[in-house]
Protein backbone atom coordinates (compact mmCIF):
# COMPACT_ATOMS: atom_id res chain seq x y z
CA MET A 1 0.55 47.86 54.13
CA GLU A 2 1.54 49.28 50.75
CA LYS A 3 4.93 47.52 50.91
CA LYS A 4 3.21 44.22 51.67
CA MET A 5 0.91 44.63 48.65
CA ILE A 6 3.91 45.38 46.42
CA ALA A 7 5.68 42.29 47.73
CA ILE A 8 2.61 40.11 47.08
CA ILE A 9 2.24 41.50 43.54
CA ALA A 10 5.93 40.83 42.90
CA VAL A 11 5.57 37.22 44.08
CA ILE A 12 2.53 36.73 41.84
CA ALA A 13 4.39 38.21 38.86
CA VAL A 14 7.34 35.87 39.42
CA ALA A 15 4.98 32.90 39.66
CA ILE A 16 3.27 33.85 36.39
CA VAL A 17 6.61 34.14 34.61
CA ALA A 18 7.68 30.75 35.99
CA ILE A 19 4.44 29.10 34.86
CA ALA A 20 4.76 30.62 31.39
CA ALA A 21 8.36 29.42 31.12
CA ALA A 22 7.32 25.93 32.19
CA ALA A 23 4.53 25.91 29.60
CA VAL A 24 6.98 26.78 26.84
CA ALA A 25 9.40 24.10 28.03
CA MET A 26 6.57 21.53 27.98
CA GLY A 27 5.52 22.41 24.45
CA GLY A 28 3.08 25.15 25.29
CA GLY A 29 4.60 27.07 22.39
CA GLU A 30 2.64 24.76 20.06
CA LYS A 31 -0.45 26.85 20.82
CA SER A 32 0.82 29.48 18.38
CA LYS A 33 -1.69 30.21 15.64
CA ASP A 34 1.08 30.52 13.05
CA TYR A 35 1.40 26.79 12.29
CA VAL A 36 -0.39 23.50 11.87
CA TYR A 37 1.39 20.95 14.05
CA TYR A 38 1.77 17.32 13.02
CA ASP A 39 2.68 14.52 15.40
CA GLY A 40 3.99 11.27 13.88
CA ASN A 41 2.16 9.28 16.57
CA GLY A 42 4.68 6.46 16.17
CA GLY A 43 5.98 7.58 12.77
CA THR A 44 9.02 9.66 11.92
CA LEU A 45 10.07 12.27 9.36
CA GLY A 46 13.83 12.40 8.80
CA GLY A 47 14.36 11.11 12.32
CA GLN A 48 11.95 13.67 13.83
CA THR A 49 8.59 12.80 15.38
CA THR A 50 6.93 16.19 14.81
CA TYR A 51 6.51 18.64 11.95
CA GLN A 52 5.04 22.12 11.69
CA SER A 53 3.59 23.75 8.58
CA THR A 54 2.24 27.16 7.65
CA SER A 55 -0.02 25.59 5.01
CA THR A 56 -3.76 25.34 5.67
CA VAL A 57 -3.95 22.28 3.40
CA CYS A 58 -3.62 18.99 5.27
CA GLU A 59 -0.37 17.16 4.49
CA GLU A 60 -0.23 14.00 2.38
CA ASN A 61 -0.40 10.65 4.13
CA ASP A 62 3.24 9.87 3.34
CA LEU A 63 4.55 12.75 5.48
CA PHE A 64 5.64 10.32 8.23
CA THR A 65 6.85 6.75 7.79
CA ARG A 66 6.40 3.80 10.13
CA GLU A 67 7.74 0.34 9.46
CA GLY A 68 4.95 -2.16 8.75
CA TYR A 69 2.19 0.47 8.81
CA ILE A 70 0.27 2.68 6.37
CA CYS A 71 -0.85 6.19 7.33
CA THR A 72 -4.60 6.61 6.78
CA GLY A 73 -4.86 10.32 7.60
CA TYR A 74 -4.77 12.58 10.65
CA ASN A 75 -6.85 13.27 13.75
CA THR A 76 -6.95 15.88 16.50
CA LYS A 77 -6.65 13.03 19.02
CA ALA A 78 -3.81 10.50 19.06
CA ASN A 79 -6.29 7.62 19.54
CA GLY A 80 -8.43 8.73 16.58
CA THR A 81 -11.47 9.82 18.62
CA GLY A 82 -11.23 13.50 17.68
CA THR A 83 -11.84 15.26 14.37
CA ALA A 84 -10.44 13.41 11.35
CA TYR A 85 -8.60 15.11 8.50
CA SER A 86 -7.65 13.58 5.17
CA GLU A 87 -4.85 14.80 2.93
CA GLY A 88 -5.83 17.93 1.00
CA ALA A 89 -8.51 18.96 3.52
CA ASN A 90 -8.63 22.50 4.89
CA VAL A 91 -7.16 22.84 8.38
CA MET A 92 -6.94 25.90 10.63
CA LEU A 93 -3.57 27.24 11.74
CA GLY A 94 -2.95 26.42 15.37
CA THR A 95 -4.40 22.91 15.01
CA LYS A 96 -2.40 19.90 16.18
CA LEU A 97 -2.90 16.70 14.22
CA TYR A 98 -1.79 13.14 14.96
CA ALA A 99 -0.99 10.64 12.20
CA GLN A 100 -3.33 7.63 12.15
CA TRP A 101 -1.98 4.19 11.25
CA LYS A 102 -3.12 0.76 10.15
CA ILE A 103 -1.09 -2.41 9.76
CA ASP A 104 0.20 -2.83 6.21
CA ASP A 105 -1.61 -6.02 5.15
CA GLU A 106 -1.56 -5.29 1.42
CA SER A 107 -0.12 -7.90 -0.93
CA TYR A 108 1.18 -7.72 -4.47
CA LEU A 109 1.76 -10.19 -7.24
CA THR A 110 5.11 -9.53 -8.89
CA VAL A 111 5.42 -10.96 -12.40
CA GLY A 112 9.02 -11.47 -13.42
CA THR A 113 8.40 -12.27 -17.09
CA GLN A 114 7.01 -10.35 -20.04
CA ASN A 115 4.64 -12.12 -22.41
CA HIS A 116 6.49 -12.62 -25.71
CA HIS A 117 3.38 -13.75 -27.62
CA PRO A 118 0.47 -11.46 -26.62
CA ASP A 119 -1.13 -12.17 -29.99
CA LYS A 120 -1.36 -15.88 -29.07
CA TYR A 121 -2.27 -15.86 -25.36
CA ASN A 122 -2.83 -13.44 -22.48
CA LEU A 123 -2.46 -13.62 -18.71
CA TYR A 124 -4.96 -12.09 -16.30
CA LEU A 125 -5.31 -11.70 -12.52
CA GLY A 126 -8.52 -11.48 -10.52
CA SER A 127 -11.14 -13.31 -8.46
CA SER A 128 -12.97 -14.11 -11.70
CA GLN A 129 -12.02 -13.84 -15.35
CA ALA A 130 -14.75 -11.26 -15.91
CA SER A 131 -13.28 -8.93 -13.26
CA SER A 132 -9.61 -9.64 -13.93
CA VAL A 133 -6.88 -7.33 -15.23
CA ASN A 134 -4.24 -8.06 -17.84
CA ILE A 135 -0.84 -8.90 -16.29
CA ASP A 136 1.19 -9.46 -19.45
CA GLY A 137 3.22 -6.46 -18.31
CA GLY A 138 4.92 -3.75 -20.29
CA GLY A 139 8.34 -4.52 -18.82
CA ILE A 140 10.38 -7.35 -17.43
CA VAL A 141 9.06 -6.94 -13.87
CA ALA A 142 5.62 -5.61 -12.93
CA SER A 143 3.59 -5.71 -9.68
CA TYR A 144 -0.19 -5.85 -9.24
CA PRO A 145 -2.42 -5.57 -6.12
CA LEU A 146 -3.31 -9.05 -4.91
CA LYS A 147 -6.37 -10.07 -2.87
CA ALA A 148 -7.35 -13.36 -1.29
CA GLY A 149 -9.17 -15.50 -3.85
CA ASP A 150 -7.41 -13.99 -6.86
CA LYS A 151 -6.33 -16.41 -9.58
CA ILE A 152 -4.19 -16.27 -12.70
CA TYR A 153 -5.95 -16.93 -16.00
CA VAL A 154 -4.15 -17.96 -19.20
CA GLN A 155 -6.43 -17.43 -22.17
CA VAL A 156 -6.18 -17.79 -25.93
CA ALA A 157 -5.87 -14.32 -27.46
CA GLY A 158 -7.87 -15.10 -30.60
CA SER A 159 -11.32 -16.47 -31.19
CA SER A 160 -10.30 -20.13 -31.34
CA GLY A 161 -7.81 -22.51 -29.74
CA THR A 162 -7.35 -24.85 -26.79
CA VAL A 163 -5.45 -24.72 -23.52
CA GLY A 164 -4.17 -27.65 -21.47
CA VAL A 165 -2.29 -28.05 -18.18
CA ASP A 166 0.33 -30.39 -16.74
CA LYS A 167 0.02 -30.10 -12.94
CA ALA A 168 3.16 -32.13 -12.21
CA LYS A 169 5.30 -29.83 -14.35
CA GLU A 170 3.32 -26.68 -13.43
CA ARG A 171 2.96 -26.02 -17.12
CA VAL A 172 0.30 -24.62 -19.43
CA SER A 173 0.14 -25.45 -23.14
CA ILE A 174 -1.67 -23.32 -25.72
CA ASN A 175 -2.66 -24.33 -29.27
CA VAL A 176 -4.10 -21.67 -31.54
CA GLY A 177 -4.09 -23.57 -34.85
CA ASP A 178 -0.90 -22.12 -36.30
CA GLY A 179 1.06 -25.39 -36.13
CA ASN A 180 2.84 -24.54 -32.87
CA THR A 181 2.34 -25.40 -29.22
CA TYR A 182 3.12 -22.55 -26.83
CA LEU A 183 4.38 -23.78 -23.45
CA LEU A 184 4.45 -21.72 -20.26
CA THR A 185 6.29 -23.32 -17.32
CA PHE A 186 5.53 -21.39 -14.11
CA SER A 187 7.56 -20.84 -10.96
CA PHE A 188 5.85 -19.44 -7.82
CA SER A 189 7.12 -18.32 -4.42
CA GLY A 190 5.08 -17.41 -1.35
CA VAL A 191 2.05 -19.60 -2.17
CA THR A 192 0.40 -22.78 -0.93
CA ASN A 193 -2.29 -25.06 -2.40
CA LEU A 194 -1.13 -24.35 -5.95
CA ASP A 195 -3.49 -25.89 -8.51
CA TYR A 196 -3.92 -25.89 -12.29
CA THR A 197 -7.16 -26.51 -14.18
CA ALA A 198 -8.12 -25.99 -17.82
CA SER A 199 -11.31 -25.79 -19.83
CA GLY A 200 -11.60 -24.91 -23.51
CA MET A 201 -9.68 -21.74 -24.27
CA MET A 202 -8.57 -20.94 -20.72
CA ALA A 203 -6.41 -22.32 -17.90
CA VAL A 204 -6.85 -21.25 -14.27
CA ILE A 205 -4.02 -21.22 -11.72
CA SER A 206 -5.28 -20.96 -8.15
CA PHE A 207 -3.29 -20.58 -4.92
CA ASP A 208 -3.40 -19.37 -1.33
CA PHE A 209 -1.01 -16.96 0.39
CA PRO A 210 -0.69 -15.25 3.79
CA GLN A 211 -2.37 -11.85 3.80
CA GLY A 212 0.23 -9.11 3.75
CA GLN A 213 2.80 -11.29 1.97
CA ASP A 214 3.83 -10.66 -1.61
CA VAL A 215 3.71 -13.42 -4.22
CA HIS A 216 6.25 -13.78 -7.00
CA VAL A 217 5.71 -15.61 -10.27
CA SER A 218 7.75 -16.07 -13.42
CA TYR A 219 7.33 -18.36 -16.39
CA ILE A 220 9.55 -19.83 -19.06
CA GLN A 221 8.15 -19.52 -22.58
CA ALA A 222 8.82 -22.08 -25.27
CA VAL A 223 7.40 -22.76 -28.74
CA VAL A 224 7.25 -26.31 -30.06
CA GLY A 225 6.48 -26.91 -33.76
CA GLU A 226 4.07 -29.72 -34.50
């Protein structure tokens, strides 16, 4: 009877070892409390789909990359139904987190020209002139976040002057009373329904574009003496 018991115990011990080995082979080793485990959940990091860290501070959202997507944070469930973590949040060692993704539908307006006469006129971008931002740019090429309904505004820089438009030539003219006419001839790509209007000291350039697509604009500047 004693020999039978020893044999049974030996069989059980072998089975336990086999199960443990299988668990390690299947990733059971990720239950170690020494790391925080990150799963790209469709994203990669240097060709790898997983990453482990000893830091208890949640990794930044750009840890993994995925073409056409933006990482919005991490979650304890791949489908986002678990506990959410944002970059910089405290996270316990031993936790496994899955990157969460959204389709990259952000658009940008890239301006390929620098305003040579900011003391005469300025360019702005926004859904209204009151909420717009200056896009004169500090360099030759500058990009700005672009939302549906945004327009470009060309406005006299001083306290007096007039602005006109030539829709056929996609051109804006500015007179500020110094004896010159400042001409801006625009060139757009990635837009539809392009339109120019002017009133008083400001011209408005409106357009439509597919969400998620970038828009490019440049303009030729000329000064004509009267």
